[in-house]
Amino acid sequence: MKYSRLLSTTVLALGLTTMAHAAPLVEESDVPGEFSANIGFTTDYTFRGISQTDNEPAVQGGFDYTYDFGPVAVSGGVWASNVKFTDATVEIDYYAGVGGAIDNFSWDVSAIYYSYPGASSSLNYDFFEIAPSVGYDFGFAAVSAGINYSPDYFGSSGDAFYYSGGIDIPLGEYFTLSGTVGYQTIDDNAAWGTDDYLDYGISISTEIAGFGVSAGWTDTDLPSSQCSDLCGIFALSVSRSF
């Protein structure tokens, strides 16, 4: 459970995904658009403040395609990670979207399908989200905000909304300080397993020899009885895009 294109810089810094700026795999003269790939490693894969790997490491990667129509771009891709759920060890996300930028303002509307191949269909793990988001770069800081909506969230827990915001602050030439905050609401909390909750995180990231490197902390306001050892996570992450 990963994808958010507009928030990708902050998400990378928190160790939730891989690098947002990818080099093309195919020369522009060969085919329209741009293909890219990414691969990463994190000591703990978290999504919206909760560990998806039971405090264990994750190897992640994906492929993306982007085609520009002047100020507007369409894109699509697939991303995968190991997870540690009952009857599920792999997550594969499929996504497509359209977005653009006007001066320092950016926008995006994406559709994401989260799948868990091999898991019993009775668990109803797979779900779909639509995710509009906006961002603005002030120079000294870039901010973003988005809403994700699912008509039937993970575990068949009904309507769910996730409201999120992020900020990236350059620290000199080489480092970026990032912060995120989000609020998850779920129609059927019993089916999901927790109350509605707030998550937040802070991290620092840099690039070393072409690799994105980050260290970050993420947590929630859930009581320990509902989140056990799956919240309050410090993660180190390394990623590379091609």
Protein backbone atom coordinates (compact mmCIF):
# COMPACT_ATOMS: atom_id res chain seq x y z
CA MET A 1 0.00 0.00 0.00
CA LYS A 2 2.21 2.72 -1.29
CA TYR A 3 1.45 4.90 -4.22
CA SER A 4 1.21 8.70 -4.12
CA ARG A 5 2.91 10.48 -6.96
CA LEU A 6 2.68 14.06 -5.68
CA LEU A 7 3.82 13.07 -2.21
CA SER A 8 6.55 10.76 -3.48
CA THR A 9 9.51 12.83 -2.26
CA THR A 10 8.29 12.86 1.32
CA VAL A 11 7.23 9.23 1.17
CA LEU A 12 10.70 8.20 0.01
CA ALA A 13 12.27 10.02 2.91
CA LEU A 14 10.12 8.05 5.33
CA GLY A 15 11.19 4.75 3.80
CA LEU A 16 7.78 3.93 2.31
CA THR A 17 8.74 3.73 -1.33
CA THR A 18 11.48 4.28 -3.85
CA MET A 19 12.92 7.28 -5.68
CA ALA A 20 10.54 9.63 -7.47
CA HIS A 21 12.95 11.03 -10.06
CA ALA A 22 13.76 8.24 -12.49
CA ALA A 23 16.07 8.17 -15.48
CA PRO A 24 14.57 6.91 -18.75
CA LEU A 25 15.05 3.25 -19.66
CA VAL A 26 14.34 3.91 -23.34
CA GLU A 27 15.57 6.80 -25.44
CA GLU A 28 12.84 9.30 -26.34
CA SER A 29 13.53 8.79 -30.05
CA ASP A 30 12.67 5.07 -29.84
CA VAL A 31 9.13 5.23 -28.46
CA PRO A 32 6.80 7.99 -27.25
CA GLY A 33 6.99 8.81 -23.58
CA GLU A 34 9.47 7.73 -20.95
CA PHE A 35 9.96 4.40 -19.19
CA SER A 36 11.70 4.09 -15.84
CA ALA A 37 12.36 1.53 -13.14
CA ASN A 38 13.18 1.65 -9.45
CA ILE A 39 14.41 -0.73 -6.78
CA GLY A 40 14.78 -0.22 -3.06
CA PHE A 41 15.42 -1.73 0.34
CA THR A 42 13.99 -0.61 3.67
CA THR A 43 14.48 -1.98 7.15
CA ASP A 44 10.70 -1.77 7.74
CA TYR A 45 7.95 -1.12 5.17
CA THR A 46 5.31 1.13 6.72
CA PHE A 47 2.06 2.39 5.20
CA ARG A 48 0.13 5.18 6.87
CA GLY A 49 2.10 4.71 10.05
CA ILE A 50 1.72 0.93 10.37
CA SER A 51 4.33 -1.72 9.57
CA GLN A 52 3.40 -3.98 6.66
CA THR A 53 6.28 -6.39 7.30
CA ASP A 54 5.93 -6.98 11.05
CA ASN A 55 9.11 -4.97 11.75
CA GLU A 56 11.10 -6.89 9.15
CA PRO A 57 12.96 -5.61 6.04
CA ALA A 58 11.43 -5.24 2.60
CA VAL A 59 12.75 -5.32 -0.96
CA GLN A 60 10.69 -3.17 -3.30
CA GLY A 61 10.65 -2.15 -6.93
CA GLY A 62 8.57 -1.01 -9.85
CA PHE A 63 8.22 0.17 -13.42
CA ASP A 64 6.65 3.42 -14.64
CA TYR A 65 5.63 5.02 -17.93
CA THR A 66 4.98 8.74 -18.47
CA TYR A 67 3.82 10.61 -21.56
CA ASP A 68 3.71 14.41 -21.69
CA PHE A 69 1.01 16.38 -23.49
CA GLY A 70 2.51 19.82 -23.04
CA PRO A 71 1.68 20.97 -19.49
CA VAL A 72 -0.21 17.73 -18.75
CA ALA A 73 1.25 14.23 -18.34
CA VAL A 74 -0.37 10.81 -18.14
CA SER A 75 1.38 7.98 -16.36
CA GLY A 76 0.99 4.42 -15.22
CA GLY A 77 2.99 1.77 -13.49
CA VAL A 78 3.33 -1.20 -11.22
CA TRP A 79 5.11 -1.49 -7.88
CA ALA A 80 5.74 -4.46 -5.58
CA SER A 81 7.02 -5.24 -2.10
CA ASN A 82 7.16 -8.15 0.27
CA VAL A 83 4.69 -7.95 3.18
CA LYS A 84 3.89 -10.12 6.19
CA PHE A 85 0.14 -10.61 6.54
CA THR A 86 -1.97 -13.66 7.26
CA ASP A 87 -1.89 -15.63 3.97
CA ALA A 88 -0.06 -12.85 2.06
CA THR A 89 3.65 -12.29 1.48
CA VAL A 90 3.57 -10.03 -1.59
CA GLU A 91 1.86 -6.75 -2.42
CA ILE A 92 1.54 -5.53 -6.01
CA ASP A 93 0.14 -2.08 -6.76
CA TYR A 94 -1.11 -0.97 -10.18
CA TYR A 95 -1.70 2.71 -10.82
CA ALA A 96 -2.49 5.27 -13.51
CA GLY A 97 -2.96 8.99 -13.37
CA VAL A 98 -2.93 12.39 -14.99
CA GLY A 99 -1.21 15.48 -13.64
CA GLY A 100 0.47 18.72 -14.50
CA ALA A 101 2.11 21.89 -13.27
CA ILE A 102 1.59 25.62 -13.68
CA ASP A 103 4.60 27.54 -12.45
CA ASN A 104 5.13 26.32 -8.87
CA PHE A 105 1.69 24.72 -8.53
CA SER A 106 1.22 21.02 -9.32
CA TRP A 107 -1.77 18.69 -9.37
CA ASP A 108 -2.47 15.01 -9.90
CA VAL A 109 -5.40 12.60 -10.00
CA SER A 110 -4.52 8.91 -9.76
CA ALA A 111 -6.26 5.55 -9.49
CA ILE A 112 -4.52 2.78 -7.53
CA TYR A 113 -5.33 -0.90 -7.20
CA TYR A 114 -3.63 -2.69 -4.28
CA SER A 115 -3.42 -6.45 -4.69
CA TYR A 116 -2.11 -9.33 -2.57
CA PRO A 117 -1.64 -12.33 -4.87
CA GLY A 118 -1.91 -15.69 -3.17
CA ALA A 119 -4.13 -14.48 -0.35
CA SER A 120 -7.50 -16.17 0.03
CA SER A 121 -10.29 -14.20 -1.65
CA SER A 122 -12.32 -14.58 1.55
CA LEU A 123 -9.90 -12.19 3.29
CA ASN A 124 -10.82 -9.38 0.87
CA TYR A 125 -7.37 -7.82 1.04
CA ASP A 126 -7.44 -6.25 -2.45
CA PHE A 127 -8.87 -2.75 -2.73
CA PHE A 128 -9.06 0.31 -4.99
CA GLU A 129 -8.45 4.01 -4.32
CA ILE A 130 -8.87 7.26 -6.22
CA ALA A 131 -6.36 9.90 -5.13
CA PRO A 132 -6.45 13.61 -6.11
CA SER A 133 -3.62 15.77 -4.77
CA VAL A 134 -2.07 19.22 -5.12
CA GLY A 135 1.29 20.76 -4.31
CA TYR A 136 3.14 24.07 -4.25
CA ASP A 137 6.87 24.78 -4.21
CA PHE A 138 7.76 27.95 -2.32
CA GLY A 139 11.47 27.49 -2.97
CA PHE A 140 12.42 27.32 0.69
CA ALA A 141 9.88 24.49 1.14
CA ALA A 142 7.50 22.38 -0.96
CA VAL A 143 4.10 21.43 0.46
CA SER A 144 1.46 18.97 -0.73
CA ALA A 145 -1.98 17.71 0.25
CA GLY A 146 -4.21 14.90 -0.95
CA ILE A 147 -7.27 12.77 -0.33
CA ASN A 148 -7.47 9.03 -1.02
CA TYR A 149 -10.92 7.44 -1.23
CA SER A 150 -11.73 3.73 -1.31
CA PRO A 151 -15.31 2.44 -1.73
CA ASP A 152 -14.31 -0.81 0.01
CA TYR A 153 -11.04 -0.64 1.91
CA PHE A 154 -8.65 -3.42 2.96
CA GLY A 155 -10.40 -6.40 4.55
CA SER A 156 -13.78 -5.35 3.16
CA SER A 157 -13.96 -2.57 5.75
CA GLY A 158 -16.18 -0.27 3.67
CA ASP A 159 -15.79 3.36 2.67
CA ALA A 160 -12.45 4.85 3.70
CA PHE A 161 -10.89 8.29 3.38
CA TYR A 162 -7.25 9.19 3.94
CA TYR A 163 -6.41 12.90 4.26
CA SER A 164 -2.70 13.64 3.95
CA GLY A 165 -0.20 16.47 3.88
CA GLY A 166 3.54 16.70 3.44
CA ILE A 167 6.39 19.19 3.50
CA ASP A 168 9.95 18.99 2.15
CA ILE A 169 12.54 21.51 3.35
CA PRO A 170 15.97 21.63 1.65
CA LEU A 171 18.84 21.69 4.12
CA GLY A 172 21.62 23.21 2.10
CA GLU A 173 22.59 21.51 -1.15
CA TYR A 174 22.60 17.85 -0.15
CA PHE A 175 19.90 17.08 2.42
CA THR A 176 16.12 17.34 2.68
CA LEU A 177 14.08 17.37 5.88
CA SER A 178 10.59 15.95 5.35
CA GLY A 179 7.42 15.62 7.36
CA THR A 180 4.07 13.95 6.76
CA VAL A 181 0.75 13.84 8.54
CA GLY A 182 -2.39 11.92 7.66
CA TYR A 183 -5.77 10.93 9.03
CA GLN A 184 -7.42 7.60 8.14
CA THR A 185 -11.17 7.09 8.50
CA ILE A 186 -12.82 3.71 7.93
CA ASP A 187 -16.52 2.88 7.82
CA ASP A 188 -16.24 -0.55 9.44
CA ASN A 189 -13.57 -0.23 12.12
CA ALA A 190 -14.22 -3.73 13.42
CA ALA A 191 -13.45 -5.29 10.03
CA TRP A 192 -10.33 -3.11 9.65
CA GLY A 193 -9.09 -3.75 13.18
CA THR A 194 -8.48 -0.25 14.62
CA ASP A 195 -10.23 3.02 15.30
CA ASP A 196 -9.86 5.92 12.88
CA TYR A 197 -6.38 7.28 13.46
CA LEU A 198 -3.75 9.94 12.87
CA ASP A 199 -0.29 9.10 11.52
CA TYR A 200 2.78 11.29 11.24
CA GLY A 201 6.43 11.07 10.37
CA ILE A 202 9.69 12.96 10.05
CA SER A 203 12.83 12.08 8.15
CA ILE A 204 16.01 13.25 6.48
CA SER A 205 17.20 12.14 3.06
CA THR A 206 20.10 12.61 0.68
CA GLU A 207 21.69 11.09 -2.42
CA ILE A 208 24.96 9.16 -2.34
CA ALA A 209 26.54 7.90 -5.58
CA GLY A 210 23.17 7.87 -7.33
CA PHE A 211 21.36 6.10 -4.48
CA GLY A 212 18.62 7.73 -2.43
CA VAL A 213 19.32 7.24 1.27
CA SER A 214 16.91 8.15 4.07
CA ALA A 215 16.32 7.70 7.77
CA GLY A 216 12.92 8.38 9.27
CA TRP A 217 10.47 7.86 12.10
CA THR A 218 6.74 7.27 11.67
CA ASP A 219 4.03 6.67 14.26
CA THR A 220 0.27 6.85 14.93
CA ASP A 221 -2.00 7.96 17.75
CA LEU A 222 -3.43 4.45 18.10
CA PRO A 223 -3.23 2.85 21.56
CA SER A 224 -0.75 0.01 21.95
CA SER A 225 -3.66 -2.40 22.33
CA GLN A 226 -4.60 -1.72 18.69
CA CYS A 227 -1.19 -1.32 17.10
CA SER A 228 1.07 -3.45 19.31
CA ASP A 229 4.62 -3.35 17.91
CA LEU A 230 3.55 -2.26 14.43
CA CYS A 231 3.63 1.50 15.15
CA GLY A 232 6.44 3.78 16.22
CA ILE A 233 8.83 2.65 13.49
CA PHE A 234 12.34 3.90 12.70
CA ALA A 235 13.44 2.88 9.21
CA LEU A 236 16.55 3.18 7.07
CA SER A 237 16.03 3.04 3.30
CA VAL A 238 18.16 2.88 0.17
CA SER A 239 16.82 3.15 -3.38
CA ARG A 240 17.94 3.58 -6.96
CA SER A 241 16.10 4.60 -10.13
CA PHE A 242 17.01 3.77 -13.71
